[in-house]
Amino acid sequence: MRTVFSSFFLLAKMEMLIARLEKERAELREKIKIEMEVQQEQLRNMEAAHMGQAEQEREAFIKENHALEERFLEMQKSNEENMKMIKNMSELIAKHEAEKMKLRTQTKTN
């Protein structure tokens, strides 16, 4: 019985974590979008000021930053998928434990 409750508790925690990760991912995407707009504006300003070398360095930095952000998002997505898989496995375990308890109860009554 205790295992069933702990499995359900684990399921609830997994659902909360998945929801939080999805929210954080959406917030991060919005932040990335805003940062990219700011960076593009800065790039346009540098071009207007004829800062050729600084522009190239800034562009390289923006590309590297964007690549890192994308990598982070991919890792976060992978984490979410893993959490969902753990949740599904926990649900299966809870179901199995409940069936096991039911069979034990039926066996004891027979």
N, C-alpha and C. Protein backbone atom coordinates (compact mmCIF):
# COMPACT_ATOMS: atom_id res chain seq x y z
N MET A 1 0.83 -1.18 0.00
CA MET A 1 0.00 0.00 0.00
C MET A 1 0.88 1.26 0.00
N ARG A 2 1.94 1.19 0.78
CA ARG A 2 2.85 2.33 0.87
C ARG A 2 3.52 2.61 -0.47
N THR A 3 3.85 1.54 -1.20
CA THR A 3 4.48 1.68 -2.51
C THR A 3 3.54 2.35 -3.49
N VAL A 4 2.27 2.00 -3.42
CA VAL A 4 1.28 2.59 -4.33
C VAL A 4 1.19 4.10 -4.07
N PHE A 5 1.12 4.49 -2.78
CA PHE A 5 1.05 5.92 -2.46
C PHE A 5 2.31 6.64 -2.89
N SER A 6 3.48 6.02 -2.67
CA SER A 6 4.72 6.68 -3.07
C SER A 6 4.80 6.78 -4.58
N SER A 7 4.25 5.80 -5.30
CA SER A 7 4.23 5.88 -6.76
C SER A 7 3.33 7.01 -7.23
N PHE A 8 2.16 7.15 -6.60
CA PHE A 8 1.26 8.24 -6.97
C PHE A 8 1.87 9.60 -6.63
N PHE A 9 2.57 9.66 -5.49
CA PHE A 9 3.25 10.89 -5.10
C PHE A 9 4.32 11.24 -6.11
N LEU A 10 5.07 10.22 -6.56
CA LEU A 10 6.11 10.43 -7.56
C LEU A 10 5.49 10.91 -8.87
N LEU A 11 4.35 10.37 -9.23
CA LEU A 11 3.66 10.80 -10.45
C LEU A 11 3.28 12.27 -10.36
N ALA A 12 2.76 12.66 -9.22
CA ALA A 12 2.35 14.06 -9.03
C ALA A 12 3.56 14.98 -9.14
N LYS A 13 4.67 14.58 -8.53
CA LYS A 13 5.89 15.38 -8.60
C LYS A 13 6.39 15.48 -10.04
N MET A 14 6.34 14.37 -10.77
CA MET A 14 6.78 14.36 -12.16
C MET A 14 5.93 15.31 -13.00
N GLU A 15 4.62 15.28 -12.78
CA GLU A 15 3.73 16.17 -13.54
C GLU A 15 4.04 17.63 -13.23
N MET A 16 4.32 17.94 -11.97
CA MET A 16 4.65 19.31 -11.61
C MET A 16 5.98 19.71 -12.24
N LEU A 17 6.96 18.81 -12.23
CA LEU A 17 8.26 19.12 -12.82
C LEU A 17 8.15 19.32 -14.33
N ILE A 18 7.36 18.48 -14.98
CA ILE A 18 7.17 18.61 -16.43
C ILE A 18 6.52 19.95 -16.75
N ALA A 19 5.51 20.31 -15.98
CA ALA A 19 4.83 21.60 -16.20
C ALA A 19 5.80 22.76 -15.99
N ARG A 20 6.60 22.67 -14.94
CA ARG A 20 7.56 23.73 -14.67
C ARG A 20 8.60 23.84 -15.78
N LEU A 21 9.09 22.69 -16.27
CA LEU A 21 10.08 22.70 -17.34
C LEU A 21 9.49 23.29 -18.62
N GLU A 22 8.24 22.95 -18.91
CA GLU A 22 7.60 23.50 -20.11
C GLU A 22 7.45 25.02 -19.98
N LYS A 23 7.08 25.49 -18.80
CA LYS A 23 6.94 26.93 -18.57
C LYS A 23 8.30 27.62 -18.71
N GLU A 24 9.34 27.03 -18.10
CA GLU A 24 10.66 27.61 -18.18
C GLU A 24 11.15 27.66 -19.63
N ARG A 25 10.85 26.61 -20.38
CA ARG A 25 11.26 26.56 -21.77
C ARG A 25 10.59 27.67 -22.57
N ALA A 26 9.30 27.89 -22.34
CA ALA A 26 8.58 28.96 -23.03
C ALA A 26 9.16 30.32 -22.65
N GLU A 27 9.45 30.50 -21.37
CA GLU A 27 10.02 31.77 -20.92
C GLU A 27 11.41 31.98 -21.53
N LEU A 28 12.18 30.91 -21.61
CA LEU A 28 13.52 31.02 -22.18
C LEU A 28 13.44 31.35 -23.66
N ARG A 29 12.51 30.73 -24.37
CA ARG A 29 12.34 31.05 -25.80
C ARG A 29 12.00 32.52 -25.99
N GLU A 30 11.12 33.06 -25.13
CA GLU A 30 10.76 34.48 -25.22
C GLU A 30 11.97 35.35 -24.92
N LYS A 31 12.74 34.96 -23.91
CA LYS A 31 13.94 35.72 -23.56
C LYS A 31 14.94 35.70 -24.71
N ILE A 32 15.10 34.54 -25.32
CA ILE A 32 16.02 34.42 -26.46
C ILE A 32 15.55 35.31 -27.60
N LYS A 33 14.26 35.31 -27.86
CA LYS A 33 13.71 36.15 -28.93
C LYS A 33 14.01 37.62 -28.67
N ILE A 34 13.78 38.06 -27.45
CA ILE A 34 14.04 39.46 -27.09
C ILE A 34 15.52 39.78 -27.21
N GLU A 35 16.37 38.88 -26.71
CA GLU A 35 17.82 39.10 -26.80
C GLU A 35 18.29 39.17 -28.25
N MET A 36 17.72 38.31 -29.08
CA MET A 36 18.10 38.31 -30.50
C MET A 36 17.69 39.64 -31.15
N GLU A 37 16.52 40.16 -30.81
CA GLU A 37 16.09 41.44 -31.36
C GLU A 37 17.03 42.56 -30.90
N VAL A 38 17.40 42.54 -29.63
CA VAL A 38 18.33 43.55 -29.11
C VAL A 38 19.67 43.43 -29.81
N GLN A 39 20.15 42.20 -29.97
CA GLN A 39 21.43 41.99 -30.63
C GLN A 39 21.39 42.43 -32.09
N GLN A 40 20.30 42.17 -32.75
CA GLN A 40 20.17 42.61 -34.14
C GLN A 40 20.18 44.14 -34.23
N GLU A 41 19.51 44.79 -33.31
CA GLU A 41 19.50 46.26 -33.28
C GLU A 41 20.91 46.79 -33.03
N GLN A 42 21.61 46.15 -32.09
CA GLN A 42 22.99 46.56 -31.82
C GLN A 42 23.87 46.36 -33.05
N LEU A 43 23.65 45.29 -33.75
CA LEU A 43 24.41 45.01 -34.96
C LEU A 43 24.15 46.09 -36.01
N ARG A 44 22.89 46.46 -36.17
CA ARG A 44 22.56 47.53 -37.13
C ARG A 44 23.22 48.85 -36.72
N ASN A 45 23.23 49.12 -35.44
CA ASN A 45 23.88 50.35 -34.96
C ASN A 45 25.38 50.34 -35.23
N MET A 46 26.00 49.20 -35.04
CA MET A 46 27.44 49.09 -35.30
C MET A 46 27.73 49.24 -36.79
N GLU A 47 26.89 48.67 -37.62
CA GLU A 47 27.07 48.82 -39.06
C GLU A 47 26.98 50.29 -39.45
N ALA A 48 26.04 50.98 -38.86
CA ALA A 48 25.88 52.40 -39.16
C ALA A 48 27.11 53.20 -38.75
N ALA A 49 27.78 52.77 -37.74
CA ALA A 49 28.97 53.47 -37.24
C ALA A 49 30.25 53.00 -37.93
N HIS A 50 30.13 52.14 -38.91
CA HIS A 50 31.29 51.64 -39.67
C HIS A 50 32.32 50.97 -38.78
N MET A 51 31.84 50.13 -37.91
CA MET A 51 32.75 49.40 -37.03
C MET A 51 32.91 47.98 -37.56
N GLY A 52 33.61 47.83 -38.62
CA GLY A 52 33.75 46.56 -39.33
C GLY A 52 34.24 45.40 -38.47
N GLN A 53 35.36 45.57 -37.83
CA GLN A 53 35.92 44.48 -37.03
C GLN A 53 35.05 44.19 -35.82
N ALA A 54 34.61 45.23 -35.16
CA ALA A 54 33.74 45.04 -34.00
C ALA A 54 32.45 44.34 -34.42
N GLU A 55 31.98 44.67 -35.60
CA GLU A 55 30.77 44.04 -36.12
C GLU A 55 30.98 42.54 -36.31
N GLN A 56 32.11 42.18 -36.88
CA GLN A 56 32.40 40.75 -37.10
C GLN A 56 32.52 40.01 -35.77
N GLU A 57 33.19 40.62 -34.82
CA GLU A 57 33.33 39.99 -33.50
C GLU A 57 31.97 39.85 -32.82
N ARG A 58 31.16 40.87 -32.95
CA ARG A 58 29.82 40.83 -32.36
C ARG A 58 28.98 39.75 -33.02
N GLU A 59 29.08 39.66 -34.35
CA GLU A 59 28.33 38.63 -35.09
C GLU A 59 28.73 37.23 -34.64
N ALA A 60 30.06 37.02 -34.49
CA ALA A 60 30.55 35.72 -34.04
C ALA A 60 30.04 35.41 -32.63
N PHE A 61 30.04 36.43 -31.77
CA PHE A 61 29.53 36.24 -30.42
C PHE A 61 28.05 35.89 -30.43
N ILE A 62 27.29 36.59 -31.25
CA ILE A 62 25.85 36.33 -31.34
C ILE A 62 25.62 34.90 -31.82
N LYS A 63 26.34 34.47 -32.83
CA LYS A 63 26.17 33.11 -33.35
C LYS A 63 26.53 32.07 -32.29
N GLU A 64 27.62 32.31 -31.59
CA GLU A 64 28.03 31.37 -30.54
C GLU A 64 27.00 31.33 -29.41
N ASN A 65 26.52 32.50 -29.03
CA ASN A 65 25.51 32.59 -27.98
C ASN A 65 24.23 31.87 -28.40
N HIS A 66 23.83 32.09 -29.63
CA HIS A 66 22.62 31.44 -30.14
C HIS A 66 22.80 29.91 -30.17
N ALA A 67 23.97 29.46 -30.59
CA ALA A 67 24.23 28.01 -30.63
C ALA A 67 24.15 27.42 -29.22
N LEU A 68 24.72 28.12 -28.26
CA LEU A 68 24.66 27.64 -26.87
C LEU A 68 23.22 27.62 -26.34
N GLU A 69 22.46 28.65 -26.68
CA GLU A 69 21.07 28.69 -26.23
C GLU A 69 20.26 27.55 -26.86
N GLU A 70 20.50 27.30 -28.14
CA GLU A 70 19.81 26.20 -28.81
C GLU A 70 20.20 24.86 -28.19
N ARG A 71 21.46 24.71 -27.89
CA ARG A 71 21.93 23.47 -27.24
C ARG A 71 21.25 23.29 -25.88
N PHE A 72 21.15 24.38 -25.14
CA PHE A 72 20.47 24.33 -23.85
C PHE A 72 19.01 23.92 -24.01
N LEU A 73 18.34 24.51 -25.00
CA LEU A 73 16.94 24.17 -25.24
C LEU A 73 16.78 22.70 -25.63
N GLU A 74 17.71 22.20 -26.43
CA GLU A 74 17.66 20.78 -26.80
C GLU A 74 17.84 19.90 -25.57
N MET A 75 18.77 20.28 -24.69
CA MET A 75 18.99 19.51 -23.47
C MET A 75 17.75 19.57 -22.59
N GLN A 76 17.13 20.74 -22.51
CA GLN A 76 15.93 20.87 -21.69
C GLN A 76 14.79 20.03 -22.27
N LYS A 77 14.67 20.02 -23.59
CA LYS A 77 13.65 19.20 -24.24
C LYS A 77 13.91 17.72 -23.96
N SER A 78 15.16 17.32 -24.04
CA SER A 78 15.52 15.94 -23.73
C SER A 78 15.17 15.60 -22.28
N ASN A 79 15.45 16.54 -21.38
CA ASN A 79 15.10 16.33 -19.96
C ASN A 79 13.60 16.17 -19.79
N GLU A 80 12.83 16.98 -20.50
CA GLU A 80 11.37 16.88 -20.42
C GLU A 80 10.91 15.51 -20.92
N GLU A 81 11.49 15.07 -22.02
CA GLU A 81 11.12 13.76 -22.56
C GLU A 81 11.47 12.65 -21.57
N ASN A 82 12.63 12.79 -20.93
CA ASN A 82 13.02 11.79 -19.93
C ASN A 82 12.07 11.81 -18.74
N MET A 83 11.66 13.01 -18.33
CA MET A 83 10.72 13.12 -17.21
C MET A 83 9.39 12.46 -17.57
N LYS A 84 8.94 12.67 -18.80
CA LYS A 84 7.69 12.06 -19.24
C LYS A 84 7.82 10.54 -19.26
N MET A 85 8.97 10.05 -19.70
CA MET A 85 9.19 8.61 -19.73
C MET A 85 9.19 8.06 -18.30
N ILE A 86 9.84 8.76 -17.38
CA ILE A 86 9.86 8.33 -15.98
C ILE A 86 8.44 8.34 -15.42
N LYS A 87 7.67 9.36 -15.77
CA LYS A 87 6.28 9.44 -15.31
C LYS A 87 5.49 8.24 -15.82
N ASN A 88 5.66 7.93 -17.12
CA ASN A 88 4.94 6.79 -17.69
C ASN A 88 5.35 5.48 -17.00
N MET A 89 6.64 5.34 -16.75
CA MET A 89 7.11 4.13 -16.08
C MET A 89 6.57 4.07 -14.65
N SER A 90 6.51 5.22 -13.98
CA SER A 90 5.97 5.26 -12.63
C SER A 90 4.50 4.88 -12.63
N GLU A 91 3.77 5.34 -13.65
CA GLU A 91 2.36 4.97 -13.75
C GLU A 91 2.21 3.46 -13.94
N LEU A 92 3.08 2.89 -14.78
CA LEU A 92 3.03 1.44 -14.97
C LEU A 92 3.34 0.69 -13.67
N ILE A 93 4.33 1.20 -12.93
CA ILE A 93 4.70 0.57 -11.66
C ILE A 93 3.54 0.67 -10.68
N ALA A 94 2.92 1.85 -10.62
CA ALA A 94 1.79 2.03 -9.71
C ALA A 94 0.65 1.09 -10.09
N LYS A 95 0.39 0.96 -11.37
CA LYS A 95 -0.67 0.07 -11.84
C LYS A 95 -0.33 -1.38 -11.47
N HIS A 96 0.93 -1.75 -11.69
CA HIS A 96 1.37 -3.11 -11.36
C HIS A 96 1.25 -3.37 -9.86
N GLU A 97 1.66 -2.40 -9.06
CA GLU A 97 1.58 -2.55 -7.60
C GLU A 97 0.13 -2.70 -7.16
N ALA A 98 -0.75 -1.90 -7.77
CA ALA A 98 -2.17 -1.99 -7.41
C ALA A 98 -2.74 -3.36 -7.78
N GLU A 99 -2.36 -3.86 -8.95
CA GLU A 99 -2.82 -5.18 -9.37
C GLU A 99 -2.27 -6.26 -8.45
N LYS A 100 -1.03 -6.09 -8.05
CA LYS A 100 -0.39 -7.05 -7.14
C LYS A 100 -1.11 -7.07 -5.79
N MET A 101 -1.45 -5.88 -5.28
CA MET A 101 -2.18 -5.79 -4.02
C MET A 101 -3.56 -6.44 -4.15
N LYS A 102 -4.20 -6.22 -5.28
CA LYS A 102 -5.53 -6.79 -5.52
C LYS A 102 -5.45 -8.31 -5.53
N LEU A 103 -4.44 -8.83 -6.22
CA LEU A 103 -4.27 -10.29 -6.27
C LEU A 103 -3.97 -10.86 -4.88
N ARG A 104 -3.16 -10.17 -4.10
CA ARG A 104 -2.86 -10.62 -2.74
C ARG A 104 -4.13 -10.65 -1.90
N THR A 105 -4.95 -9.61 -2.04
CA THR A 105 -6.19 -9.53 -1.31
C THR A 105 -7.11 -10.66 -1.71
N GLN A 106 -7.20 -10.93 -3.01
CA GLN A 106 -8.06 -12.01 -3.51
C GLN A 106 -7.54 -13.36 -3.02
N THR A 107 -6.23 -13.52 -3.02
CA THR A 107 -5.63 -14.79 -2.57
C THR A 107 -5.90 -15.01 -1.09
N LYS A 108 -5.81 -13.97 -0.29
CA LYS A 108 -6.04 -14.09 1.15
C LYS A 108 -7.51 -14.40 1.45
N THR A 109 -8.42 -13.88 0.66
CA THR A 109 -9.84 -14.13 0.91
C THR A 109 -10.26 -15.52 0.43
N ASN A 110 -9.51 -16.09 -0.48
CA ASN A 110 -9.83 -17.45 -0.97
C ASN A 110 -9.22 -18.45 -0.09
